[in-house]
PDB file of N, CA and C in Angstrom:
ATOM      1  N   MET A   1     -66.442  27.894  36.426  1.00  0.00           N
ATOM      2  CA  MET A   1     -66.838  26.513  36.621  1.00  0.00           C
ATOM      3  C   MET A   1     -66.485  26.091  38.052  1.00  0.00           C
ATOM      4  N   LYS A   2     -67.471  25.554  38.724  1.00  0.00           N
ATOM      5  CA  LYS A   2     -67.259  25.093  40.089  1.00  0.00           C
ATOM      6  C   LYS A   2     -66.871  23.612  40.060  1.00  0.00           C
ATOM      7  N   ILE A   3     -65.837  23.288  40.795  1.00  0.00           N
ATOM      8  CA  ILE A   3     -65.397  21.898  40.914  1.00  0.00           C
ATOM      9  C   ILE A   3     -65.936  21.367  42.232  1.00  0.00           C
ATOM     10  N   ASP A   4     -66.758  20.332  42.151  1.00  0.00           N
ATOM     11  CA  ASP A   4     -67.383  19.781  43.347  1.00  0.00           C
ATOM     12  C   ASP A   4     -66.613  18.610  43.950  1.00  0.00           C
ATOM     13  N   ARG A   5     -65.805  17.939  43.124  1.00  0.00           N
ATOM     14  CA  ARG A   5     -65.069  16.759  43.586  1.00  0.00           C
ATOM     15  C   ARG A   5     -63.647  16.833  43.047  1.00  0.00           C
ATOM     16  N   PHE A   6     -62.719  16.346  43.834  1.00  0.00           N
ATOM     17  CA  PHE A   6     -61.325  16.376  43.359  1.00  0.00           C
ATOM     18  C   PHE A   6     -61.161  15.557  42.093  1.00  0.00           C
ATOM     19  N   GLU A   7     -62.016  14.548  41.920  1.00  0.00           N
ATOM     20  CA  GLU A   7     -61.939  13.692  40.733  1.00  0.00           C
ATOM     21  C   GLU A   7     -62.237  14.451  39.436  1.00  0.00           C
ATOM     22  N   ASP A   8     -62.813  15.647  39.558  1.00  0.00           N
ATOM     23  CA  ASP A   8     -63.131  16.465  38.390  1.00  0.00           C
ATOM     24  C   ASP A   8     -61.954  17.336  37.946  1.00  0.00           C
ATOM     25  N   ILE A   9     -60.911  17.401  38.735  1.00  0.00           N
ATOM     26  CA  ILE A   9     -59.761  18.247  38.428  1.00  0.00           C
ATOM     27  C   ILE A   9     -58.904  17.555  37.363  1.00  0.00           C
ATOM     28  N   LYS A  10     -58.662  18.237  36.251  1.00  0.00           N
ATOM     29  CA  LYS A  10     -57.886  17.664  35.149  1.00  0.00           C
ATOM     30  C   LYS A  10     -56.507  17.196  35.616  1.00  0.00           C
ATOM     31  N   ALA A  11     -55.854  17.998  36.420  1.00  0.00           N
ATOM     32  CA  ALA A  11     -54.513  17.640  36.904  1.00  0.00           C
ATOM     33  C   ALA A  11     -54.551  16.354  37.718  1.00  0.00           C
ATOM     34  N   TRP A  12     -55.610  16.154  38.504  1.00  0.00           N
ATOM     35  CA  TRP A  12     -55.733  14.916  39.280  1.00  0.00           C
ATOM     36  C   TRP A  12     -55.890  13.728  38.347  1.00  0.00           C
ATOM     37  N   LYS A  13     -56.696  13.881  37.290  1.00  0.00           N
ATOM     38  CA  LYS A  13     -56.896  12.791  36.323  1.00  0.00           C
ATOM     39  C   LYS A  13     -55.575  12.425  35.656  1.00  0.00           C
ATOM     40  N   LEU A  14     -54.781  13.432  35.305  1.00  0.00           N
ATOM     41  CA  LEU A  14     -53.473  13.177  34.692  1.00  0.00           C
ATOM     42  C   LEU A  14     -52.522  12.516  35.691  1.00  0.00           C
ATOM     43  N   ALA A  15     -52.579  12.943  36.948  1.00  0.00           N
ATOM     44  CA  ALA A  15     -51.736  12.344  37.986  1.00  0.00           C
ATOM     45  C   ALA A  15     -52.140  10.891  38.229  1.00  0.00           C
ATOM     46  N   ARG A  16     -53.409  10.620  38.143  1.00  0.00           N
ATOM     47  CA  ARG A  16     -53.879   9.230  38.292  1.00  0.00           C
ATOM     48  C   ARG A  16     -53.320   8.370  37.164  1.00  0.00           C
ATOM     49  N   GLU A  17     -53.355   8.887  35.946  1.00  0.00           N
ATOM     50  CA  GLU A  17     -52.802   8.152  34.804  1.00  0.00           C
ATOM     51  C   GLU A  17     -51.293   7.960  34.969  1.00  0.00           C
ATOM     52  N   LEU A  18     -50.606   8.979  35.472  1.00  0.00           N
ATOM     53  CA  LEU A  18     -49.171   8.858  35.744  1.00  0.00           C
ATOM     54  C   LEU A  18     -48.919   7.737  36.739  1.00  0.00           C
ATOM     55  N   THR A  19     -49.707   7.698  37.789  1.00  0.00           N
ATOM     56  CA  THR A  19     -49.559   6.664  38.810  1.00  0.00           C
ATOM     57  C   THR A  19     -49.781   5.278  38.218  1.00  0.00           C
ATOM     58  N   LEU A  20     -50.796   5.140  37.401  1.00  0.00           N
ATOM     59  CA  LEU A  20     -51.063   3.854  36.746  1.00  0.00           C
ATOM     60  C   LEU A  20     -49.883   3.423  35.873  1.00  0.00           C
ATOM     61  N   LYS A  21     -49.329   4.358  35.130  1.00  0.00           N
ATOM     62  CA  LYS A  21     -48.192   4.045  34.259  1.00  0.00           C
ATOM     63  C   LYS A  21     -46.957   3.658  35.067  1.00  0.00           C
ATOM     64  N   VAL A  22     -46.704   4.385  36.140  1.00  0.00           N
ATOM     65  CA  VAL A  22     -45.545   4.071  36.987  1.00  0.00           C
ATOM     66  C   VAL A  22     -45.706   2.683  37.595  1.00  0.00           C
ATOM     67  N   TYR A  23     -46.867   2.381  38.113  1.00  0.00           N
ATOM     68  CA  TYR A  23     -47.090   1.060  38.697  1.00  0.00           C
ATOM     69  C   TYR A  23     -46.924  -0.031  37.643  1.00  0.00           C
ATOM     70  N   GLY A  24     -47.365   0.247  36.425  1.00  0.00           N
ATOM     71  CA  GLY A  24     -47.167  -0.719  35.345  1.00  0.00           C
ATOM     72  C   GLY A  24     -45.694  -0.985  35.081  1.00  0.00           C
ATOM     73  N   LEU A  25     -44.892   0.076  35.038  1.00  0.00           N
ATOM     74  CA  LEU A  25     -43.451  -0.090  34.816  1.00  0.00           C
ATOM     75  C   LEU A  25     -42.791  -0.875  35.943  1.00  0.00           C
ATOM     76  N   THR A  26     -43.197  -0.588  37.159  1.00  0.00           N
ATOM     77  CA  THR A  26     -42.518  -1.202  38.303  1.00  0.00           C
ATOM     78  C   THR A  26     -42.896  -2.662  38.505  1.00  0.00           C
ATOM     79  N   LYS A  27     -43.814  -3.156  37.709  1.00  0.00           N
ATOM     80  CA  LYS A  27     -44.147  -4.584  37.751  1.00  0.00           C
ATOM     81  C   LYS A  27     -43.194  -5.420  36.901  1.00  0.00           C
ATOM     82  N   LYS A  28     -42.410  -4.742  36.058  1.00  0.00           N
ATOM     83  CA  LYS A  28     -41.436  -5.463  35.239  1.00  0.00           C
ATOM     84  C   LYS A  28     -40.412  -6.115  36.164  1.00  0.00           C
ATOM     85  N   LYS A  29     -39.963  -7.311  35.799  1.00  0.00           N
ATOM     86  CA  LYS A  29     -39.141  -8.151  36.681  1.00  0.00           C
ATOM     87  C   LYS A  29     -37.938  -7.419  37.289  1.00  0.00           C
ATOM     88  N   ASP A  30     -37.078  -6.859  36.457  1.00  0.00           N
ATOM     89  CA  ASP A  30     -35.875  -6.210  36.991  1.00  0.00           C
ATOM     90  C   ASP A  30     -36.214  -4.996  37.846  1.00  0.00           C
ATOM     91  N   PHE A  31     -37.178  -4.217  37.383  1.00  0.00           N
ATOM     92  CA  PHE A  31     -37.585  -3.026  38.132  1.00  0.00           C
ATOM     93  C   PHE A  31     -38.185  -3.439  39.469  1.00  0.00           C
ATOM     94  N   ALA A  32     -39.031  -4.442  39.459  1.00  0.00           N
ATOM     95  CA  ALA A  32     -39.691  -4.902  40.685  1.00  0.00           C
ATOM     96  C   ALA A  32     -38.683  -5.350  41.734  1.00  0.00           C
ATOM     97  N   GLY A  33     -37.518  -5.834  41.276  1.00  0.00           N
ATOM     98  CA  GLY A  33     -36.496  -6.306  42.205  1.00  0.00           C
ATOM     99  C   GLY A  33     -35.701  -5.197  42.872  1.00  0.00           C
ATOM    100  N   ASP A  34     -35.765  -3.997  42.326  1.00  0.00           N
ATOM    101  CA  ASP A  34     -35.072  -2.854  42.916  1.00  0.00           C
ATOM    102  C   ASP A  34     -36.060  -2.164  43.858  1.00  0.00           C
ATOM    103  N   TYR A  35     -36.176  -2.712  45.059  1.00  0.00           N
ATOM    104  CA  TYR A  35     -37.220  -2.280  45.985  1.00  0.00           C
ATOM    105  C   TYR A  35     -37.132  -0.794  46.335  1.00  0.00           C
ATOM    106  N   GLY A  36     -35.929  -0.294  46.470  1.00  0.00           N
ATOM    107  CA  GLY A  36     -35.771   1.116  46.828  1.00  0.00           C
ATOM    108  C   GLY A  36     -36.299   2.045  45.754  1.00  0.00           C
ATOM    109  N   LEU A  37     -35.849   1.839  44.529  1.00  0.00           N
ATOM    110  CA  LEU A  37     -36.297   2.692  43.426  1.00  0.00           C
ATOM    111  C   LEU A  37     -37.781   2.489  43.149  1.00  0.00           C
ATOM    112  N   LYS A  38     -38.201   1.235  43.199  1.00  0.00           N
ATOM    113  CA  LYS A  38     -39.617   0.931  42.965  1.00  0.00           C
ATOM    114  C   LYS A  38     -40.493   1.703  43.957  1.00  0.00           C
ATOM    115  N   GLN A  39     -40.150   1.615  45.225  1.00  0.00           N
ATOM    116  CA  GLN A  39     -40.937   2.300  46.258  1.00  0.00           C
ATOM    117  C   GLN A  39     -40.898   3.805  46.077  1.00  0.00           C
ATOM    118  N   GLN A  40     -39.720   4.332  45.767  1.00  0.00           N
ATOM    119  CA  GLN A  40     -39.551   5.782  45.636  1.00  0.00           C
ATOM    120  C   GLN A  40     -40.373   6.347  44.487  1.00  0.00           C
ATOM    121  N   ILE A  41     -40.323   5.713  43.332  1.00  0.00           N
ATOM    122  CA  ILE A  41     -41.053   6.241  42.177  1.00  0.00           C
ATOM    123  C   ILE A  41     -42.557   6.040  42.334  1.00  0.00           C
ATOM    124  N   GLN A  42     -42.960   4.928  42.948  1.00  0.00           N
ATOM    125  CA  GLN A  42     -44.389   4.733  43.218  1.00  0.00           C
ATOM    126  C   GLN A  42     -44.893   5.790  44.199  1.00  0.00           C
ATOM    127  N   ASN A  43     -44.128   6.052  45.232  1.00  0.00           N
ATOM    128  CA  ASN A  43     -44.524   7.062  46.213  1.00  0.00           C
ATOM    129  C   ASN A  43     -44.611   8.447  45.591  1.00  0.00           C
ATOM    130  N   ALA A  44     -43.663   8.765  44.735  1.00  0.00           N
ATOM    131  CA  ALA A  44     -43.672  10.081  44.095  1.00  0.00           C
ATOM    132  C   ALA A  44     -44.889  10.242  43.187  1.00  0.00           C
ATOM    133  N   ALA A  45     -45.157   9.235  42.375  1.00  0.00           N
ATOM    134  CA  ALA A  45     -46.313   9.317  41.475  1.00  0.00           C
ATOM    135  C   ALA A  45     -47.605   9.417  42.277  1.00  0.00           C
ATOM    136  N   GLY A  46     -47.737   8.576  43.286  1.00  0.00           N
ATOM    137  CA  GLY A  46     -48.926   8.623  44.126  1.00  0.00           C
ATOM    138  C   GLY A  46     -49.050   9.941  44.871  1.00  0.00           C
ATOM    139  N   SER A  47     -47.930  10.495  45.265  1.00  0.00           N
ATOM    140  CA  SER A  47     -47.938  11.758  45.981  1.00  0.00           C
ATOM    141  C   SER A  47     -48.513  12.889  45.138  1.00  0.00           C
ATOM    142  N   ALA A  48     -48.212  12.898  43.861  1.00  0.00           N
ATOM    143  CA  ALA A  48     -48.773  13.928  42.979  1.00  0.00           C
ATOM    144  C   ALA A  48     -50.295  13.847  43.011  1.00  0.00           C
ATOM    145  N   MET A  49     -50.802  12.664  42.849  1.00  0.00           N
ATOM    146  CA  MET A  49     -52.248  12.429  42.840  1.00  0.00           C
ATOM    147  C   MET A  49     -52.875  12.764  44.193  1.00  0.00           C
ATOM    148  N   HIS A  50     -52.255  12.291  45.251  1.00  0.00           N
ATOM    149  CA  HIS A  50     -52.823  12.450  46.585  1.00  0.00           C
ATOM    150  C   HIS A  50     -52.755  13.893  47.090  1.00  0.00           C
ATOM    151  N   ASN A  51     -51.701  14.611  46.733  1.00  0.00           N
ATOM    152  CA  ASN A  51     -51.609  16.006  47.169  1.00  0.00           C
ATOM    153  C   ASN A  51     -52.667  16.877  46.513  1.00  0.00           C
ATOM    154  N   ILE A  52     -53.004  16.583  45.270  1.00  0.00           N
ATOM    155  CA  ILE A  52     -54.086  17.324  44.616  1.00  0.00           C
ATOM    156  C   ILE A  52     -55.397  17.062  45.351  1.00  0.00           C
ATOM    157  N   ALA A  53     -55.657  15.793  45.658  1.00  0.00           N
ATOM    158  CA  ALA A  53     -56.889  15.433  46.370  1.00  0.00           C
ATOM    159  C   ALA A  53     -56.910  16.052  47.760  1.00  0.00           C
ATOM    160  N   GLU A  54     -55.799  15.944  48.473  1.00  0.00           N
ATOM    161  CA  GLU A  54     -55.742  16.477  49.827  1.00  0.00           C
ATOM    162  C   GLU A  54     -55.892  17.993  49.827  1.00  0.00           C
ATOM    163  N   GLY A  55     -55.234  18.636  48.880  1.00  0.00           N
ATOM    164  CA  GLY A  55     -55.329  20.089  48.784  1.00  0.00           C
ATOM    165  C   GLY A  55     -56.733  20.577  48.485  1.00  0.00           C
ATOM    166  N   PHE A  56     -57.492  19.767  47.771  1.00  0.00           N
ATOM    167  CA  PHE A  56     -58.866  20.125  47.424  1.00  0.00           C
ATOM    168  C   PHE A  56     -59.695  20.418  48.672  1.00  0.00           C
ATOM    169  N   ASP A  57     -59.418  19.745  49.759  1.00  0.00           N
ATOM    170  CA  ASP A  57     -60.158  19.963  51.003  1.00  0.00           C
ATOM    171  C   ASP A  57     -59.523  21.017  51.903  1.00  0.00           C
ATOM    172  N   SER A  58     -58.607  21.783  51.358  1.00  0.00           N
ATOM    173  CA  SER A  58     -57.985  22.854  52.134  1.00  0.00           C
ATOM    174  C   SER A  58     -59.012  23.914  52.488  1.00  0.00           C
ATOM    175  N   GLU A  59     -58.722  24.608  53.543  1.00  0.00           N
ATOM    176  CA  GLU A  59     -59.621  25.666  54.006  1.00  0.00           C
ATOM    177  C   GLU A  59     -59.456  26.963  53.208  1.00  0.00           C
ATOM    178  N   THR A  60     -58.279  27.134  52.606  1.00  0.00           N
ATOM    179  CA  THR A  60     -58.026  28.377  51.869  1.00  0.00           C
ATOM    180  C   THR A  60     -57.410  28.059  50.514  1.00  0.00           C
ATOM    181  N   THR A  61     -57.520  29.023  49.620  1.00  0.00           N
ATOM    182  CA  THR A  61     -56.893  28.884  48.307  1.00  0.00           C
ATOM    183  C   THR A  61     -55.382  28.804  48.448  1.00  0.00           C
ATOM    184  N   ALA A  62     -54.820  29.582  49.338  1.00  0.00           N
ATOM    185  CA  ALA A  62     -53.364  29.560  49.548  1.00  0.00           C
ATOM    186  C   ALA A  62     -52.895  28.177  49.997  1.00  0.00           C
ATOM    187  N   GLU A  63     -53.653  27.550  50.863  1.00  0.00           N
ATOM    188  CA  GLU A  63     -53.289  26.212  51.327  1.00  0.00           C
ATOM    189  C   GLU A  63     -53.405  25.195  50.188  1.00  0.00           C
ATOM    190  N   PHE A  64     -54.452  25.319  49.375  1.00  0.00           N
ATOM    191  CA  PHE A  64     -54.619  24.439  48.219  1.00  0.00           C
ATOM    192  C   PHE A  64     -53.425  24.585  47.286  1.00  0.00           C
ATOM    193  N   ILE A  65     -53.021  25.804  47.033  1.00  0.00           N
ATOM    194  CA  ILE A  65     -51.871  26.055  46.163  1.00  0.00           C
ATOM    195  C   ILE A  65     -50.613  25.407  46.733  1.00  0.00           C
ATOM    196  N   ARG A  66     -50.460  25.440  48.041  1.00  0.00           N
ATOM    197  CA  ARG A  66     -49.286  24.794  48.669  1.00  0.00           C
ATOM    198  C   ARG A  66     -49.259  23.300  48.349  1.00  0.00           C
ATOM    199  N   PHE A  67     -50.394  22.632  48.463  1.00  0.00           N
ATOM    200  CA  PHE A  67     -50.467  21.213  48.139  1.00  0.00           C
ATOM    201  C   PHE A  67     -50.213  20.962  46.649  1.00  0.00           C
ATOM    202  N   LEU A  68     -50.717  21.853  45.819  1.00  0.00           N
ATOM    203  CA  LEU A  68     -50.482  21.707  44.377  1.00  0.00           C
ATOM    204  C   LEU A  68     -49.001  21.850  44.043  1.00  0.00           C
ATOM    205  N   ARG A  69     -48.322  22.706  44.759  1.00  0.00           N
ATOM    206  CA  ARG A  69     -46.869  22.846  44.539  1.00  0.00           C
ATOM    207  C   ARG A  69     -46.137  21.561  44.912  1.00  0.00           C
ATOM    208  N   TYR A  70     -46.586  20.895  45.970  1.00  0.00           N
ATOM    209  CA  TYR A  70     -46.000  19.593  46.307  1.00  0.00           C
ATOM    210  C   TYR A  70     -46.233  18.612  45.154  1.00  0.00           C
ATOM    211  N   ALA A  71     -47.436  18.604  44.623  1.00  0.00           N
ATOM    212  CA  ALA A  71     -47.776  17.698  43.522  1.00  0.00           C
ATOM    213  C   ALA A  71     -46.896  17.974  42.304  1.00  0.00           C
ATOM    214  N   LYS A  72     -46.686  19.238  42.016  1.00  0.00           N
ATOM    215  CA  LYS A  72     -45.859  19.619  40.868  1.00  0.00           C
ATOM    216  C   LYS A  72     -44.428  19.124  41.043  1.00  0.00           C
ATOM    217  N   ARG A  73     -43.890  19.301  42.241  1.00  0.00           N
ATOM    218  CA  ARG A  73     -42.509  18.877  42.486  1.00  0.00           C
ATOM    219  C   ARG A  73     -42.359  17.355  42.412  1.00  0.00           C
ATOM    220  N   THR A  74     -43.374  16.622  42.843  1.00  0.00           N
ATOM    221  CA  THR A  74     -43.239  15.171  42.780  1.00  0.00           C
ATOM    222  C   THR A  74     -43.316  14.658  41.346  1.00  0.00           C
ATOM    223  N   CYS A  75     -43.959  15.414  40.457  1.00  0.00           N
ATOM    224  CA  CYS A  75     -43.917  15.044  39.034  1.00  0.00           C
ATOM    225  C   CYS A  75     -42.481  15.126  38.512  1.00  0.00           C
ATOM    226  N   THR A  76     -41.779  16.160  38.928  1.00  0.00           N
ATOM    227  CA  THR A  76     -40.378  16.302  38.547  1.00  0.00           C
ATOM    228  C   THR A  76     -39.541  15.186  39.155  1.00  0.00           C
ATOM    229  N   GLU A  77     -39.871  14.801  40.377  1.00  0.00           N
ATOM    230  CA  GLU A  77     -39.164  13.696  41.023  1.00  0.00           C
ATOM    231  C   GLU A  77     -39.343  12.404  40.218  1.00  0.00           C
ATOM    232  N   VAL A  78     -40.556  12.144  39.759  1.00  0.00           N
ATOM    233  CA  VAL A  78     -40.799  10.954  38.923  1.00  0.00           C
ATOM    234  C   VAL A  78     -39.911  11.007  37.689  1.00  0.00           C
ATOM    235  N   GLN A  79     -39.823  12.160  37.057  1.00  0.00           N
ATOM    236  CA  GLN A  79     -38.991  12.287  35.858  1.00  0.00           C
ATOM    237  C   GLN A  79     -37.532  11.952  36.169  1.00  0.00           C
ATOM    238  N   SER A  80     -37.038  12.441  37.273  1.00  0.00           N
ATOM    239  CA  SER A  80     -35.655  12.162  37.648  1.00  0.00           C
ATOM    240  C   SER A  80     -35.449  10.671  37.925  1.00  0.00           C
ATOM    241  N   GLU A  81     -36.385  10.054  38.613  1.00  0.00           N
ATOM    242  CA  GLU A  81     -36.269   8.629  38.923  1.00  0.00           C
ATOM    243  C   GLU A  81     -36.371   7.765  37.667  1.00  0.00           C
ATOM    244  N   LEU A  82     -37.086   8.256  36.666  1.00  0.00           N
ATOM    245  CA  LEU A  82     -37.147   7.526  35.401  1.00  0.00           C
ATOM    246  C   LEU A  82     -35.759   7.396  34.766  1.00  0.00           C
ATOM    247  N   TYR A  83     -34.923   8.404  34.950  1.00  0.00           N
ATOM    248  CA  TYR A  83     -33.556   8.328  34.421  1.00  0.00           C
ATOM    249  C   TYR A  83     -32.785   7.180  35.071  1.00  0.00           C
ATOM    250  N   VAL A  84     -32.979   7.007  36.362  1.00  0.00           N
ATOM    251  CA  VAL A  84     -32.310   5.903  37.048  1.00  0.00           C
ATOM    252  C   VAL A  84     -32.795   4.575  36.473  1.00  0.00           C
ATOM    253  N   ALA A  85     -34.101   4.439  36.333  1.00  0.00           N
ATOM    254  CA  ALA A  85     -34.673   3.205  35.784  1.00  0.00           C
ATOM    255  C   ALA A  85     -34.167   2.950  34.371  1.00  0.00           C
ATOM    256  N   PHE A  86     -34.064   4.008  33.585  1.00  0.00           N
ATOM    257  CA  PHE A  86     -33.572   3.870  32.219  1.00  0.00           C
ATOM    258  C   PHE A  86     -32.084   3.504  32.210  1.00  0.00           C
ATOM    259  N   ASP A  87     -31.299   4.195  33.018  1.00  0.00           N
ATOM    260  CA  ASP A  87     -29.856   3.929  33.078  1.00  0.00           C
ATOM    261  C   ASP A  87     -29.568   2.508  33.556  1.00  0.00           C
ATOM    262  N   GLU A  88     -30.415   1.998  34.444  1.00  0.00           N
ATOM    263  CA  GLU A  88     -30.252   0.632  34.939  1.00  0.00           C
ATOM    264  C   GLU A  88     -30.868  -0.403  33.990  1.00  0.00           C
ATOM    265  N   LYS A  89     -31.435   0.087  32.895  1.00  0.00           N
ATOM    266  CA  LYS A  89     -32.040  -0.765  31.864  1.00  0.00           C
ATOM    267  C   LYS A  89     -33.275  -1.524  32.366  1.00  0.00           C
ATOM    268  N   TYR A  90     -33.974  -0.913  33.325  1.00  0.00           N
ATOM    269  CA  TYR A  90     -35.230  -1.493  33.796  1.00  0.00           C
ATOM    270  C   TYR A  90     -36.363  -1.179  32.812  1.00  0.00           C
ATOM    271  N   ILE A  91     -36.198  -0.066  32.073  1.00  0.00           N
ATOM    272  CA  ILE A  91     -37.196   0.351  31.101  1.00  0.00           C
ATOM    273  C   ILE A  91     -36.496   0.713  29.798  1.00  0.00           C
ATOM    274  N   ASN A  92     -37.241   0.635  28.706  1.00  0.00           N
ATOM    275  CA  ASN A  92     -36.665   0.985  27.404  1.00  0.00           C
ATOM    276  C   ASN A  92     -36.973   2.449  27.065  1.00  0.00           C
ATOM    277  N   THR A  93     -36.478   2.890  25.943  1.00  0.00           N
ATOM    278  CA  THR A  93     -36.623   4.283  25.531  1.00  0.00           C
ATOM    279  C   THR A  93     -38.087   4.687  25.392  1.00  0.00           C
ATOM    280  N   ASP A  94     -38.887   3.849  24.774  1.00  0.00           N
ATOM    281  CA  ASP A  94     -40.303   4.175  24.584  1.00  0.00           C
ATOM    282  C   ASP A  94     -41.033   4.301  25.921  1.00  0.00           C
ATOM    283  N   GLU A  95     -40.747   3.395  26.829  1.00  0.00           N
ATOM    284  CA  GLU A  95     -41.377   3.452  28.151  1.00  0.00           C
ATOM    285  C   GLU A  95     -40.944   4.714  28.896  1.00  0.00           C
ATOM    286  N   PHE A  96     -39.655   5.009  28.828  1.00  0.00           N
ATOM    287  CA  PHE A  96     -39.131   6.215  29.458  1.00  0.00           C
ATOM    288  C   PHE A  96     -39.855   7.440  28.918  1.00  0.00           C
ATOM    289  N   GLN A  97     -39.894   7.566  27.593  1.00  0.00           N
ATOM    290  CA  GLN A  97     -40.490   8.750  26.974  1.00  0.00           C
ATOM    291  C   GLN A  97     -41.980   8.869  27.287  1.00  0.00           C
ATOM    292  N   ASP A  98     -42.696   7.755  27.278  1.00  0.00           N
ATOM    293  CA  ASP A  98     -44.124   7.772  27.551  1.00  0.00           C
ATOM    294  C   ASP A  98     -44.423   8.274  28.964  1.00  0.00           C
ATOM    295  N   VAL A  99     -43.750   7.719  29.944  1.00  0.00           N
ATOM    296  CA  VAL A  99     -44.035   8.094  31.327  1.00  0.00           C
ATOM    297  C   VAL A  99     -43.451   9.477  31.637  1.00  0.00           C
ATOM    298  N   TYR A 100     -42.301   9.793  31.068  1.00  0.00           N
ATOM    299  CA  TYR A 100     -41.722  11.129  31.245  1.00  0.00           C
ATOM    300  C   TYR A 100     -42.688  12.191  30.729  1.00  0.00           C
ATOM    301  N   GLU A 101     -43.272  11.937  29.564  1.00  0.00           N
ATOM    302  CA  GLU A 101     -44.224  12.878  28.967  1.00  0.00           C
ATOM    303  C   GLU A 101     -45.490  12.980  29.816  1.00  0.00           C
ATOM    304  N   GLN A 102     -45.946  11.872  30.360  1.00  0.00           N
ATOM    305  CA  GLN A 102     -47.118  11.910  31.244  1.00  0.00           C
ATOM    306  C   GLN A 102     -46.825  12.771  32.467  1.00  0.00           C
ATOM    307  N   ALA A 103     -45.641  12.624  33.022  1.00  0.00           N
ATOM    308  CA  ALA A 103     -45.253  13.448  34.170  1.00  0.00           C
ATOM    309  C   ALA A 103     -45.170  14.919  33.773  1.00  0.00           C
ATOM    310  N   ARG A 104     -44.661  15.198  32.574  1.00  0.00           N
ATOM    311  CA  ARG A 104     -44.571  16.585  32.092  1.00  0.00           C
ATOM    312  C   ARG A 104     -45.959  17.198  31.935  1.00  0.00           C
ATOM    313  N   GLN A 105     -46.864  16.440  31.324  1.00  0.00           N
ATOM    314  CA  GLN A 105     -48.224  16.941  31.131  1.00  0.00           C
ATOM    315  C   GLN A 105     -48.927  17.172  32.473  1.00  0.00           C
ATOM    316  N   THR A 106     -48.710  16.267  33.396  1.00  0.00           N
ATOM    317  CA  THR A 106     -49.312  16.410  34.718  1.00  0.00           C
ATOM    318  C   THR A 106     -48.774  17.648  35.414  1.00  0.00           C
ATOM    319  N   ARG A 107     -47.463  17.811  35.367  1.00  0.00           N
ATOM    320  CA  ARG A 107     -46.825  18.972  35.979  1.00  0.00           C
ATOM    321  C   ARG A 107     -47.352  20.263  35.359  1.00  0.00           C
ATOM    322  N   ALA A 108     -47.483  20.283  34.045  1.00  0.00           N
ATOM    323  CA  ALA A 108     -47.989  21.474  33.351  1.00  0.00           C
ATOM    324  C   ALA A 108     -49.433  21.778  33.755  1.00  0.00           C
ATOM    325  N   ALA A 109     -50.252  20.746  33.889  1.00  0.00           N
ATOM    326  CA  ALA A 109     -51.648  20.953  34.293  1.00  0.00           C
ATOM    327  C   ALA A 109     -51.724  21.486  35.722  1.00  0.00           C
ATOM    328  N   VAL A 110     -50.889  20.949  36.596  1.00  0.00           N
ATOM    329  CA  VAL A 110     -50.857  21.438  37.977  1.00  0.00           C
ATOM    330  C   VAL A 110     -50.422  22.900  37.984  1.00  0.00           C
ATOM    331  N   HIS A 111     -49.388  23.213  37.222  1.00  0.00           N
ATOM    332  CA  HIS A 111     -48.894  24.587  37.136  1.00  0.00           C
ATOM    333  C   HIS A 111     -49.995  25.530  36.641  1.00  0.00           C
ATOM    334  N   GLY A 112     -50.711  25.103  35.610  1.00  0.00           N
ATOM    335  CA  GLY A 112     -51.801  25.913  35.082  1.00  0.00           C
ATOM    336  C   GLY A 112     -52.912  26.119  36.100  1.00  0.00           C
ATOM    337  N   PHE A 113     -53.196  25.093  36.866  1.00  0.00           N
ATOM    338  CA  PHE A 113     -54.228  25.190  37.888  1.00  0.00           C
ATOM    339  C   PHE A 113     -53.795  26.149  38.993  1.00  0.00           C
ATOM    340  N   ILE A 114     -52.513  26.101  39.349  1.00  0.00           N
ATOM    341  CA  ILE A 114     -51.986  27.041  40.341  1.00  0.00           C
ATOM    342  C   ILE A 114     -52.167  28.478  39.834  1.00  0.00           C
ATOM    343  N   LYS A 115     -51.815  28.711  38.589  1.00  0.00           N
ATOM    344  CA  LYS A 115     -51.969  30.062  38.014  1.00  0.00           C
ATOM    345  C   LYS A 115     -53.424  30.502  38.059  1.00  0.00           C
ATOM    346  N   TYR A 116     -54.326  29.605  37.707  1.00  0.00           N
ATOM    347  CA  TYR A 116     -55.758  29.905  37.751  1.00  0.00           C
ATOM    348  C   TYR A 116     -56.191  30.265  39.172  1.00  0.00           C
ATOM    349  N   LEU A 117     -55.783  29.455  40.134  1.00  0.00           N
ATOM    350  CA  LEU A 117     -56.180  29.705  41.519  1.00  0.00           C
ATOM    351  C   LEU A 117     -55.594  31.008  42.053  1.00  0.00           C
ATOM    352  N   LYS A 118     -54.388  31.335  41.652  1.00  0.00           N
ATOM    353  CA  LYS A 118     -53.789  32.610  42.082  1.00  0.00           C
ATOM    354  C   LYS A 118     -54.608  33.785  41.553  1.00  0.00           C
ATOM    355  N   THR A 119     -55.045  33.685  40.310  1.00  0.00           N
ATOM    356  CA  THR A 119     -55.886  34.737  39.725  1.00  0.00           C
ATOM    357  C   THR A 119     -57.203  34.835  40.488  1.00  0.00           C
ATOM    358  N   TYR A 120     -57.798  33.689  40.769  1.00  0.00           N
ATOM    359  CA  TYR A 120     -59.050  33.632  41.519  1.00  0.00           C
ATOM    360  C   TYR A 120     -58.849  34.199  42.927  1.00  0.00           C
ATOM    361  N   GLN A 121     -57.740  33.830  43.542  1.00  0.00           N
ATOM    362  CA  GLN A 121     -57.433  34.283  44.900  1.00  0.00           C
ATOM    363  C   GLN A 121     -57.335  35.806  44.952  1.00  0.00           C
ATOM    364  N   ASN A 122     -56.765  36.397  43.924  1.00  0.00           N
ATOM    365  CA  ASN A 122     -56.601  37.848  43.883  1.00  0.00           C
ATOM    366  C   ASN A 122     -57.931  38.573  43.696  1.00  0.00           C
ATOM    367  N   ARG A 123     -58.952  37.867  43.268  1.00  0.00           N
ATOM    368  CA  ARG A 123     -60.279  38.460  43.077  1.00  0.00           C
ATOM    369  C   ARG A 123     -61.146  38.340  44.319  1.00  0.00           C
ATOM    370  N   GLU A 124     -60.730  37.513  45.276  1.00  0.00           N
ATOM    371  CA  GLU A 124     -61.529  37.308  46.483  1.00  0.00           C
ATOM    372  C   GLU A 124     -61.574  38.604  47.292  1.00  0.00           C
ATOM    373  N   PRO A 125     -62.746  38.918  47.862  1.00  0.00           N
ATOM    374  CA  PRO A 125     -62.863  40.159  48.656  1.00  0.00           C
ATOM    375  C   PRO A 125     -62.067  40.089  49.938  1.00  0.00           C
TER     376      PRO A 125
END
């Protein structure tokens, strides 16, 4: 299957949903007031989405994989920052679990895409 647009990549769609969820959480009053954490988690979530898109325009498969690895790591960063938000009582257990799971699914999809691209890369002449 040929992917013509980054918007067609499943991992990008999941990262977009992660970003939407993170932005929703950070609009809550107490969370919104913690400018440092708010900015950090928003940047991390957006970075996952943006690195997938940016990597899509890479000149080589290896370069695309490098961007995907950045996206994968920022999903983990979001998960870690969620603990801070939870510990500070900015979010409740359900919110934590929902967004944590979204980050996990996104990370898994990125990982799977990396594996796929590595296989494809090994077949290139």
